[in-house]
Amino acid sequence: MSHVNLPLAVLHSEAWKSSVLARIGGANIKVMRMDATSYPEEVHDFPEGLLVIDGQLNLTIGSENIIVKAGEIFIVPVGVSHAVAPGSTGTLVIFDT
């Protein structure tokens, strides 16, 4: 069993570099620190869940800007290009395969 304080897990980590906390049923559970800088556009061949623990995630999908606040999750479908706009800060948990 593991017990993880997510904000503490990323306190001294490099921004935008995820750490795998666990693998459950073939899925990765990752944690990452956001530092207000942007992150380049990417696309995956798997869905990606983005759960904001604290702070805010500013996503750009096409011409749409999406704000994901603490306590909210956004699911990026397979094959959808997405980027992180400036101003995203806090702790992000990522679910992927």
C-alpha atoms as a PDB file:
ATOM      1  CA  MET A   1       0.000   0.000   0.000  1.00  0.00           C
ATOM      2  CA  SER A   2       1.051   3.565  -0.626  1.00  0.00           C
ATOM      3  CA  HIS A   3       0.012   6.831   0.943  1.00  0.00           C
ATOM      4  CA  VAL A   4       1.123   9.936  -0.980  1.00  0.00           C
ATOM      5  CA  ASN A   5       0.675  13.629  -0.218  1.00  0.00           C
ATOM      6  CA  LEU A   6       0.525  14.894  -3.811  1.00  0.00           C
ATOM      7  CA  PRO A   7       1.538  18.541  -3.277  1.00  0.00           C
ATOM      8  CA  LEU A   8       4.516  17.411  -1.178  1.00  0.00           C
ATOM      9  CA  ALA A   9       5.448  14.791  -3.798  1.00  0.00           C
ATOM     10  CA  VAL A  10       6.123  17.540  -6.340  1.00  0.00           C
ATOM     11  CA  LEU A  11       7.344  20.316  -4.040  1.00  0.00           C
ATOM     12  CA  HIS A  12      10.997  20.063  -5.116  1.00  0.00           C
ATOM     13  CA  SER A  13      10.496  18.371  -8.475  1.00  0.00           C
ATOM     14  CA  GLU A  14      11.312  19.850 -11.866  1.00  0.00           C
ATOM     15  CA  ALA A  15       8.282  21.530 -13.435  1.00  0.00           C
ATOM     16  CA  TRP A  16       6.535  19.636 -16.242  1.00  0.00           C
ATOM     17  CA  LYS A  17       8.442  16.425 -15.477  1.00  0.00           C
ATOM     18  CA  SER A  18       6.003  13.744 -14.360  1.00  0.00           C
ATOM     19  CA  SER A  19       6.763  10.993 -11.864  1.00  0.00           C
ATOM     20  CA  VAL A  20       4.922   7.676 -11.982  1.00  0.00           C
ATOM     21  CA  LEU A  21       3.382   6.998  -8.574  1.00  0.00           C
ATOM     22  CA  ALA A  22       1.800   3.659  -9.474  1.00  0.00           C
ATOM     23  CA  ARG A  23       0.467   1.416 -12.224  1.00  0.00           C
ATOM     24  CA  ILE A  24      -3.040   0.109 -11.702  1.00  0.00           C
ATOM     25  CA  GLY A  25      -4.706  -2.230 -14.185  1.00  0.00           C
ATOM     26  CA  GLY A  26      -2.265  -1.204 -16.909  1.00  0.00           C
ATOM     27  CA  ALA A  27      -2.761   2.523 -16.298  1.00  0.00           C
ATOM     28  CA  ASN A  28      -0.129   4.947 -15.036  1.00  0.00           C
ATOM     29  CA  ILE A  29      -0.865   7.367 -12.234  1.00  0.00           C
ATOM     30  CA  LYS A  30       1.572  10.275 -12.523  1.00  0.00           C
ATOM     31  CA  VAL A  31       2.065  13.517 -10.629  1.00  0.00           C
ATOM     32  CA  MET A  32       3.572  16.728 -11.977  1.00  0.00           C
ATOM     33  CA  ARG A  33       4.243  20.298 -10.861  1.00  0.00           C
ATOM     34  CA  MET A  34       3.029  23.130 -13.108  1.00  0.00           C
ATOM     35  CA  ASP A  35       5.034  26.389 -12.952  1.00  0.00           C
ATOM     36  CA  ALA A  36       3.095  28.934 -15.069  1.00  0.00           C
ATOM     37  CA  THR A  37       5.143  28.317 -18.227  1.00  0.00           C
ATOM     38  CA  SER A  38       3.585  26.818 -21.319  1.00  0.00           C
ATOM     39  CA  TYR A  39       4.011  23.212 -22.439  1.00  0.00           C
ATOM     40  CA  PRO A  40       4.148  22.369 -26.154  1.00  0.00           C
ATOM     41  CA  GLU A  41       1.393  20.710 -28.124  1.00  0.00           C
ATOM     42  CA  GLU A  42       1.261  16.930 -27.990  1.00  0.00           C
ATOM     43  CA  VAL A  43      -0.994  14.096 -29.112  1.00  0.00           C
ATOM     44  CA  HIS A  44      -1.321  10.540 -27.780  1.00  0.00           C
ATOM     45  CA  ASP A  45      -2.606   7.196 -29.030  1.00  0.00           C
ATOM     46  CA  PHE A  46      -4.383   6.740 -25.686  1.00  0.00           C
ATOM     47  CA  PRO A  47      -6.849   8.839 -23.662  1.00  0.00           C
ATOM     48  CA  GLU A  48      -5.333  11.013 -20.960  1.00  0.00           C
ATOM     49  CA  GLY A  49      -7.000  12.105 -17.721  1.00  0.00           C
ATOM     50  CA  LEU A  50      -5.792  15.423 -16.254  1.00  0.00           C
ATOM     51  CA  LEU A  51      -6.824  15.971 -12.614  1.00  0.00           C
ATOM     52  CA  VAL A  52      -5.912  19.292 -10.989  1.00  0.00           C
ATOM     53  CA  ILE A  53      -5.189  18.842  -7.276  1.00  0.00           C
ATOM     54  CA  ASP A  54      -4.397  22.475  -6.556  1.00  0.00           C
ATOM     55  CA  GLY A  55      -3.985  25.501  -8.786  1.00  0.00           C
ATOM     56  CA  GLN A  56      -5.265  25.649 -12.355  1.00  0.00           C
ATOM     57  CA  LEU A  57      -4.516  24.040 -15.731  1.00  0.00           C
ATOM     58  CA  ASN A  58      -4.956  26.177 -18.858  1.00  0.00           C
ATOM     59  CA  LEU A  59      -5.402  23.853 -21.833  1.00  0.00           C
ATOM     60  CA  THR A  60      -5.511  24.784 -25.490  1.00  0.00           C
ATOM     61  CA  ILE A  61      -7.276  22.361 -27.818  1.00  0.00           C
ATOM     62  CA  GLY A  62      -7.469  23.725 -31.342  1.00  0.00           C
ATOM     63  CA  SER A  63      -8.771  27.279 -30.979  1.00  0.00           C
ATOM     64  CA  GLU A  64     -10.529  26.487 -27.684  1.00  0.00           C
ATOM     65  CA  ASN A  65      -9.115  27.542 -24.306  1.00  0.00           C
ATOM     66  CA  ILE A  66     -10.185  25.330 -21.409  1.00  0.00           C
ATOM     67  CA  ILE A  67      -9.576  26.112 -17.747  1.00  0.00           C
ATOM     68  CA  VAL A  68      -9.441  23.107 -15.425  1.00  0.00           C
ATOM     69  CA  LYS A  69      -9.609  24.162 -11.761  1.00  0.00           C
ATOM     70  CA  ALA A  70      -8.632  22.381  -8.560  1.00  0.00           C
ATOM     71  CA  GLY A  71     -10.896  19.394  -7.995  1.00  0.00           C
ATOM     72  CA  GLU A  72     -11.754  19.065 -11.693  1.00  0.00           C
ATOM     73  CA  ILE A  73     -10.635  16.501 -14.261  1.00  0.00           C
ATOM     74  CA  PHE A  74     -10.427  16.831 -18.027  1.00  0.00           C
ATOM     75  CA  ILE A  75     -10.251  13.774 -20.286  1.00  0.00           C
ATOM     76  CA  VAL A  76      -8.305  14.299 -23.519  1.00  0.00           C
ATOM     77  CA  PRO A  77      -9.582  11.788 -26.095  1.00  0.00           C
ATOM     78  CA  VAL A  78      -7.270   9.610 -28.188  1.00  0.00           C
ATOM     79  CA  GLY A  79      -5.606  11.515 -31.031  1.00  0.00           C
ATOM     80  CA  VAL A  80      -6.576  15.022 -29.890  1.00  0.00           C
ATOM     81  CA  SER A  81      -3.752  17.591 -30.007  1.00  0.00           C
ATOM     82  CA  HIS A  82      -3.501  19.644 -26.830  1.00  0.00           C
ATOM     83  CA  ALA A  83      -1.084  22.135 -25.284  1.00  0.00           C
ATOM     84  CA  VAL A  84      -0.731  23.923 -21.970  1.00  0.00           C
ATOM     85  CA  ALA A  85      -1.073  27.700 -22.089  1.00  0.00           C
ATOM     86  CA  PRO A  86       0.941  30.000 -19.811  1.00  0.00           C
ATOM     87  CA  GLY A  87      -0.415  30.555 -16.315  1.00  0.00           C
ATOM     88  CA  SER A  88      -0.950  26.917 -15.320  1.00  0.00           C
ATOM     89  CA  THR A  89       0.237  26.402 -11.747  1.00  0.00           C
ATOM     90  CA  GLY A  90      -0.131  23.820  -9.001  1.00  0.00           C
ATOM     91  CA  THR A  91      -0.234  20.037  -8.872  1.00  0.00           C
ATOM     92  CA  LEU A  92      -1.496  17.860 -11.721  1.00  0.00           C
ATOM     93  CA  VAL A  93      -2.258  14.145 -11.626  1.00  0.00           C
ATOM     94  CA  ILE A  94      -2.178  12.376 -14.991  1.00  0.00           C
ATOM     95  CA  PHE A  95      -3.865   9.060 -15.775  1.00  0.00           C
ATOM     96  CA  ASP A  96      -2.645   7.330 -18.953  1.00  0.00           C
ATOM     97  CA  THR A  97      -1.339   4.064 -20.334  1.00  0.00           C
END
